Protein backbone atom coordinates (compact mmCIF):
# COMPACT_ATOMS: atom_id res chain seq x y z
CA UNK A 1 10.01 54.65 84.72
CA UNK A 2 9.40 54.02 81.02
CA UNK A 3 8.86 50.18 80.37
CA UNK A 4 11.35 50.28 77.41
CA UNK A 5 13.77 53.04 78.17
CA UNK A 6 16.29 52.47 75.85
CA UNK A 7 15.75 51.30 72.18
CA UNK A 8 18.92 49.52 71.94
CA UNK A 9 17.53 46.87 74.29
CA UNK A 10 14.63 45.97 72.32
CA UNK A 11 14.37 43.16 69.81
CA UNK A 12 11.77 42.03 67.65
CA UNK A 13 9.96 38.47 68.18
CA UNK A 14 6.97 37.66 66.02
CA UNK A 15 4.49 40.21 64.71
CA UNK A 16 4.80 43.89 63.86
CA UNK A 17 7.21 46.29 66.02
CA UNK A 18 5.34 48.85 67.95
CA UNK A 19 7.51 49.10 70.97
CA UNK A 20 5.64 47.02 72.99
CA UNK A 21 4.03 43.39 73.17
CA UNK A 22 1.52 42.53 70.57
CA UNK A 23 -1.17 39.80 69.96
CA UNK A 24 1.08 38.35 67.07
CA UNK A 25 4.29 38.41 68.96
CA UNK A 26 6.18 40.33 71.48
CA UNK A 27 9.04 42.80 72.17
CA UNK A 28 11.56 41.43 74.41
CA UNK A 29 13.83 43.55 76.62
CA UNK A 30 16.70 42.85 79.01
CA UNK A 31 14.49 43.56 81.84
CA UNK A 32 11.67 40.96 80.77
CA UNK A 33 13.45 37.78 80.06
CA UNK A 34 10.90 35.49 81.18
CA UNK A 35 10.15 32.53 79.09
CA UNK A 36 7.43 29.90 79.06
CA UNK A 37 7.66 26.09 78.59
CA UNK A 38 5.67 26.47 75.50
CA UNK A 39 7.47 28.95 73.24
CA UNK A 40 10.69 30.27 73.03
CA UNK A 41 9.63 34.03 73.49
CA UNK A 42 8.63 35.85 76.51
CA UNK A 43 5.75 35.12 78.70
CA UNK A 44 2.79 36.90 77.45
CA UNK A 45 0.18 38.31 80.11
CA UNK A 46 -3.56 38.93 79.50
CA UNK A 47 -5.82 40.57 81.90
CA UNK A 48 -9.49 39.53 81.16
CA UNK A 49 -12.00 41.76 82.80
CA UNK A 50 -15.58 40.20 83.00
CA UNK A 51 -18.40 42.29 84.41
CA UNK A 52 -20.23 39.46 86.16
CA UNK A 53 -19.72 36.59 88.49
CA UNK A 54 -21.96 33.99 86.63
CA UNK A 55 -21.17 32.78 83.14
CA UNK A 56 -23.37 33.73 80.42
CA UNK A 57 -22.84 33.18 76.45
CA UNK A 58 -20.12 36.01 76.38
CA UNK A 59 -18.27 34.53 79.60
CA UNK A 60 -18.45 31.13 78.23
CA UNK A 61 -16.69 32.27 75.06
CA UNK A 62 -14.17 34.20 77.20
CA UNK A 63 -13.34 30.99 79.18
CA UNK A 64 -12.66 29.22 75.83
CA UNK A 65 -10.47 32.03 74.65
CA UNK A 66 -8.62 32.10 77.90
CA UNK A 67 -8.02 28.20 77.66
CA UNK A 68 -6.60 28.37 74.22
CA UNK A 69 -4.62 31.27 75.20
CA UNK A 70 -3.13 29.51 78.31
CA UNK A 71 -2.32 26.41 76.25
CA UNK A 72 -0.21 28.81 73.94
CA UNK A 73 1.87 29.86 77.06
CA UNK A 74 -0.10 33.15 77.88
CA UNK A 75 -0.25 33.86 81.67
CA UNK A 76 -3.95 34.59 82.18
CA UNK A 77 -5.56 36.79 85.03
CA UNK A 78 -9.35 37.11 85.07
CA UNK A 79 -11.34 39.51 86.94
CA UNK A 80 -14.86 39.47 88.19
CA UNK A 81 -16.75 41.78 90.69
CA UNK A 82 -16.76 38.93 93.24
CA UNK A 83 -16.66 35.17 94.06
CA UNK A 84 -18.99 32.98 91.72
CA UNK A 85 -19.01 30.18 89.21
CA UNK A 86 -16.88 32.24 86.88
CA UNK A 87 -13.93 32.91 89.24
CA UNK A 88 -14.21 29.07 90.19
CA UNK A 89 -13.89 28.08 86.51
CA UNK A 90 -10.88 30.37 85.87
CA UNK A 91 -9.03 28.80 88.89
CA UNK A 92 -10.06 25.37 88.09
CA UNK A 93 -8.60 26.21 84.51
CA UNK A 94 -5.03 27.37 86.48
CA UNK A 95 -5.66 30.87 85.99
CA UNK A 96 -5.05 33.73 88.25
CA UNK A 97 -8.02 35.61 89.51
CA UNK A 98 -8.57 39.03 91.08
CA UNK A 99 -11.57 40.90 92.12
CA UNK A 100 -12.56 44.17 90.36
CA UNK A 101 -15.69 46.09 90.81
CA UNK A 102 -17.36 47.70 87.92
CA UNK A 103 -20.41 49.08 89.31
CA UNK A 104 -23.66 47.37 88.63
CA UNK A 105 -25.48 46.45 85.40
CA UNK A 106 -28.40 48.75 85.98
CA UNK A 107 -29.02 52.06 84.92
CA UNK A 108 -26.92 54.87 86.90
CA UNK A 109 -24.76 52.48 88.47
CA UNK A 110 -21.70 52.76 86.48
CA UNK A 111 -20.23 55.77 88.47
CA UNK A 112 -19.23 53.00 91.10
CA UNK A 113 -16.82 51.66 88.73
CA UNK A 114 -14.62 54.70 89.66
CA UNK A 115 -13.78 53.03 92.89
CA UNK A 116 -12.26 50.11 90.95
CA UNK A 117 -9.99 52.33 88.61
CA UNK A 118 -6.68 52.37 90.91
CA UNK A 119 -6.88 48.49 90.98
CA UNK A 120 -7.67 48.10 87.15
CA UNK A 121 -4.45 50.51 86.60
CA UNK A 122 -2.34 48.21 88.73
CA UNK A 123 -3.40 45.03 87.35
CA UNK A 124 -3.25 46.58 83.66
CA UNK A 125 0.40 47.55 84.57
CA UNK A 126 1.29 43.83 84.87
CA UNK A 127 -0.30 42.92 81.45
CA UNK A 128 0.40 43.05 77.83
CA UNK A 129 -3.17 42.91 76.74
CA UNK A 130 -6.38 44.08 78.72
CA UNK A 131 -9.27 42.20 77.33
CA UNK A 132 -12.66 44.01 78.37
CA UNK A 133 -15.33 41.62 77.96
CA UNK A 134 -18.52 43.71 77.01
CA UNK A 135 -19.61 47.12 77.01
CA UNK A 136 -19.98 47.31 80.81
CA UNK A 137 -16.20 46.83 80.98
CA UNK A 138 -15.75 49.84 78.86
CA UNK A 139 -16.34 52.00 82.03
CA UNK A 140 -12.55 51.28 82.96
CA UNK A 141 -11.40 52.74 79.77
CA UNK A 142 -10.71 56.28 81.28
CA UNK A 143 -8.60 54.58 83.99
CA UNK A 144 -6.41 52.83 81.40
CA UNK A 145 -5.80 55.71 79.04
CA UNK A 146 -1.98 55.78 80.40
CA UNK A 147 -1.78 52.03 80.35
CA UNK A 148 1.26 50.64 78.04
CA UNK A 149 -0.87 47.40 77.63
CA UNK A 150 -2.96 46.95 74.49
CA UNK A 151 -6.68 47.67 75.37
CA UNK A 152 -9.33 45.32 73.40
CA UNK A 153 -12.96 46.18 74.04
CA UNK A 154 -15.29 43.07 72.68
CA UNK A 155 -18.75 44.43 72.60
CA UNK A 156 -21.17 41.47 72.58
CA UNK A 157 -24.66 43.56 72.65
CA UNK A 158 -26.50 45.61 70.20
CA UNK A 159 -26.46 49.48 71.27
CA UNK A 160 -29.84 50.89 70.87
CA UNK A 161 -28.51 54.25 72.52
CA UNK A 162 -25.17 55.80 73.06
CA UNK A 163 -24.92 56.82 76.60
CA UNK A 164 -24.43 60.64 77.48
CA UNK A 165 -20.55 60.87 78.77
CA UNK A 166 -17.85 63.25 78.90
CA UNK A 167 -15.60 63.67 75.77
CA UNK A 168 -12.40 62.20 77.51
CA UNK A 169 -14.36 58.74 77.34
CA UNK A 170 -15.08 59.13 73.86
CA UNK A 171 -11.16 59.61 73.21
CA UNK A 172 -10.54 56.65 75.15
CA UNK A 173 -12.63 54.67 72.93
CA UNK A 174 -11.05 56.18 70.00
CA UNK A 175 -7.61 55.36 71.28
CA UNK A 176 -8.39 51.66 71.77
CA UNK A 177 -6.05 49.36 70.08
CA UNK A 178 -8.84 47.03 69.16
CA UNK A 179 -12.69 46.87 69.08
CA UNK A 180 -14.53 43.55 68.43
CA UNK A 181 -18.23 43.03 68.06
CA UNK A 182 -20.07 39.81 67.99
C-alpha cells in the first residue's frame, strides 16, 4: 500500500512539496494526523543509525543533533549494534532505541550487515528521515533503496580508497537524498 495513495488528501506544511515529509517541513495526510506538543504539524520521525556502541566524536555530534531535533518535536529512534554507553545516553535523553547489526568495523566484516537489512527496512518504514551516521552505516543503503524515508549519509572520515562493490550499491549512493561530509 502506498503511503500517500491519493494526491487530494495531501496538503503542504512548511518546506517544499515532494509528496513526502522533508527536513524543512512535512506533508500531512488524513492517515497521519499525529501532532506534537511543540509544533502544529505532524510528528516528524528520524531514525539515526550509529555503527558503534561507545560514543566517539561523530556519535557525540549525533547525540547533540538528536537532542536539538527532539526539542523541536521530532520523534527520535537511535540504533546501535548492541547495548553500551551510546544506547544509555539515548535512553536517558528520552529517545527510543533499537538494536541494529551492521557487521564489524574491520576489513571483510561488512557482509554481516546483510543480516540487519530486514530490520533496517522495517525501522525505515516507520521514519520520515533515516540518518546514517558514518560510512559504515552506508552498508544499509541497498536495503533502504525502496524506503520512502529520506536517506542522509553523513561521512565523517577521509576516504583513502573506494571499496570494490557491486554496481547497485553505487546506484544507491547516487539516489541518496543528501550526503554530508565533515
